[in-house]
Amino acid sequence: MFKPIAKEIKEEILQKVKEGKKAPDLATQYGISDKTIYGWLGASIKPTITFMEYSKLKRENEELKRIIGIMALDLAHEKKRGVH
């Protein structure tokens, strides 16, 4: 049966894990499943990226696509000419 866990307790447990305590030990101590703790850990790890980083990656991606397109065309032209 699901039992709600106070936000403060959840944060306390996550802090202890970050300090090096083992999730199964904390699960036993707090009377919850270690899978619950692992779920919290997974949910708390959110990749963050700034708009500037996103824009840079998007530009680089577009440039790489353009280069691959050029290389594919060159390869197709070489095959037509019989160059190996």
C-alpha atoms as a PDB file:
ATOM      1  CA  MET A   1       0.000   0.000   0.000  1.00  0.00           C
ATOM      2  CA  PHE A   2       1.256   3.466  -0.894  1.00  0.00           C
ATOM      3  CA  LYS A   3       2.007   5.755   1.993  1.00  0.00           C
ATOM      4  CA  PRO A   4       2.789   9.420   1.412  1.00  0.00           C
ATOM      5  CA  ILE A   5       6.176  10.584   2.606  1.00  0.00           C
ATOM      6  CA  ALA A   6       6.682  14.138   3.797  1.00  0.00           C
ATOM      7  CA  LYS A   7       8.747  16.342   1.531  1.00  0.00           C
ATOM      8  CA  GLU A   8      11.164  17.048   4.389  1.00  0.00           C
ATOM      9  CA  ILE A   9      11.781  13.322   4.952  1.00  0.00           C
ATOM     10  CA  LYS A  10      12.304  12.753   1.229  1.00  0.00           C
ATOM     11  CA  GLU A  11      14.835  15.596   1.075  1.00  0.00           C
ATOM     12  CA  GLU A  12      16.576  14.257   4.193  1.00  0.00           C
ATOM     13  CA  ILE A  13      16.896  10.805   2.641  1.00  0.00           C
ATOM     14  CA  LEU A  14      18.180  12.183  -0.664  1.00  0.00           C
ATOM     15  CA  GLN A  15      20.731  14.315   1.180  1.00  0.00           C
ATOM     16  CA  LYS A  16      21.972  11.265   3.093  1.00  0.00           C
ATOM     17  CA  VAL A  17      22.356   9.337  -0.165  1.00  0.00           C
ATOM     18  CA  LYS A  18      24.371  12.217  -1.613  1.00  0.00           C
ATOM     19  CA  GLU A  19      26.563  12.109   1.487  1.00  0.00           C
ATOM     20  CA  GLY A  20      27.354   8.456   0.799  1.00  0.00           C
ATOM     21  CA  LYS A  21      24.781   6.462   2.734  1.00  0.00           C
ATOM     22  CA  LYS A  22      23.443   3.407   0.923  1.00  0.00           C
ATOM     23  CA  ALA A  23      19.864   3.492  -0.365  1.00  0.00           C
ATOM     24  CA  PRO A  24      18.971  -0.016   0.924  1.00  0.00           C
ATOM     25  CA  ASP A  25      20.153   0.915   4.427  1.00  0.00           C
ATOM     26  CA  LEU A  26      18.120   4.124   4.387  1.00  0.00           C
ATOM     27  CA  ALA A  27      15.109   2.276   3.009  1.00  0.00           C
ATOM     28  CA  THR A  28      15.219  -0.116   5.956  1.00  0.00           C
ATOM     29  CA  GLN A  29      15.745   2.739   8.407  1.00  0.00           C
ATOM     30  CA  TYR A  30      12.789   4.752   7.090  1.00  0.00           C
ATOM     31  CA  GLY A  31      10.549   1.791   6.296  1.00  0.00           C
ATOM     32  CA  ILE A  32      10.285   2.411   2.571  1.00  0.00           C
ATOM     33  CA  SER A  33      11.385   0.568  -0.546  1.00  0.00           C
ATOM     34  CA  ASP A  34      14.873   1.147  -1.896  1.00  0.00           C
ATOM     35  CA  LYS A  35      13.208   1.335  -5.330  1.00  0.00           C
ATOM     36  CA  THR A  36      11.367   4.405  -4.074  1.00  0.00           C
ATOM     37  CA  ILE A  37      14.669   6.067  -3.187  1.00  0.00           C
ATOM     38  CA  TYR A  38      16.197   5.142  -6.537  1.00  0.00           C
ATOM     39  CA  GLY A  39      13.121   6.595  -8.238  1.00  0.00           C
ATOM     40  CA  TRP A  40      13.546   9.853  -6.344  1.00  0.00           C
ATOM     41  CA  LEU A  41      17.206   9.968  -7.304  1.00  0.00           C
ATOM     42  CA  GLY A  42      16.382   9.452 -10.966  1.00  0.00           C
ATOM     43  CA  ALA A  43      13.718  12.139 -10.886  1.00  0.00           C
ATOM     44  CA  SER A  44      16.028  14.606  -9.132  1.00  0.00           C
ATOM     45  CA  ILE A  45      18.650  14.371 -11.858  1.00  0.00           C
ATOM     46  CA  LYS A  46      17.453  16.761 -14.496  1.00  0.00           C
ATOM     47  CA  PRO A  47      19.853  17.830 -17.180  1.00  0.00           C
ATOM     48  CA  THR A  48      19.989  21.573 -17.392  1.00  0.00           C
ATOM     49  CA  ILE A  49      21.101  23.473 -20.419  1.00  0.00           C
ATOM     50  CA  THR A  50      21.022  27.179 -21.045  1.00  0.00           C
ATOM     51  CA  PHE A  51      19.337  28.697 -24.059  1.00  0.00           C
ATOM     52  CA  MET A  52      22.781  29.732 -25.344  1.00  0.00           C
ATOM     53  CA  GLU A  53      24.077  26.149 -25.101  1.00  0.00           C
ATOM     54  CA  TYR A  54      20.937  24.865 -26.804  1.00  0.00           C
ATOM     55  CA  SER A  55      21.305  27.372 -29.633  1.00  0.00           C
ATOM     56  CA  LYS A  56      24.969  26.469 -30.114  1.00  0.00           C
ATOM     57  CA  LEU A  57      24.192  22.734 -30.231  1.00  0.00           C
ATOM     58  CA  LYS A  58      21.361  23.348 -32.677  1.00  0.00           C
ATOM     59  CA  ARG A  59      23.672  25.340 -34.997  1.00  0.00           C
ATOM     60  CA  GLU A  60      26.367  22.653 -34.784  1.00  0.00           C
ATOM     61  CA  ASN A  61      23.783  19.963 -35.552  1.00  0.00           C
ATOM     62  CA  GLU A  62      22.568  21.838 -38.629  1.00  0.00           C
ATOM     63  CA  GLU A  63      26.154  22.334 -39.822  1.00  0.00           C
ATOM     64  CA  LEU A  64      26.924  18.639 -39.391  1.00  0.00           C
ATOM     65  CA  LYS A  65      23.801  17.718 -41.354  1.00  0.00           C
ATOM     66  CA  ARG A  66      24.902  20.081 -44.136  1.00  0.00           C
ATOM     67  CA  ILE A  67      28.393  18.545 -44.226  1.00  0.00           C
ATOM     68  CA  ILE A  68      26.992  15.004 -44.308  1.00  0.00           C
ATOM     69  CA  GLY A  69      24.721  16.012 -47.177  1.00  0.00           C
ATOM     70  CA  ILE A  70      27.679  17.370 -49.155  1.00  0.00           C
ATOM     71  CA  MET A  71      29.699  14.230 -48.471  1.00  0.00           C
ATOM     72  CA  ALA A  72      26.793  12.009 -49.553  1.00  0.00           C
ATOM     73  CA  LEU A  73      26.446  13.973 -52.817  1.00  0.00           C
ATOM     74  CA  ASP A  74      30.199  13.740 -53.463  1.00  0.00           C
ATOM     75  CA  LEU A  75      30.097   9.995 -52.867  1.00  0.00           C
ATOM     76  CA  ALA A  76      27.158   9.603 -55.230  1.00  0.00           C
ATOM     77  CA  HIS A  77      28.993  11.593 -57.932  1.00  0.00           C
ATOM     78  CA  GLU A  78      32.114   9.458 -57.497  1.00  0.00           C
ATOM     79  CA  LYS A  79      30.065   6.265 -57.898  1.00  0.00           C
ATOM     80  CA  LYS A  80      28.536   7.636 -61.111  1.00  0.00           C
ATOM     81  CA  ARG A  81      32.001   8.423 -62.492  1.00  0.00           C
ATOM     82  CA  GLY A  82      33.284   5.015 -61.459  1.00  0.00           C
ATOM     83  CA  VAL A  83      35.891   6.376 -59.036  1.00  0.00           C
ATOM     84  CA  HIS A  84      36.658   4.016 -56.163  1.00  0.00           C
END
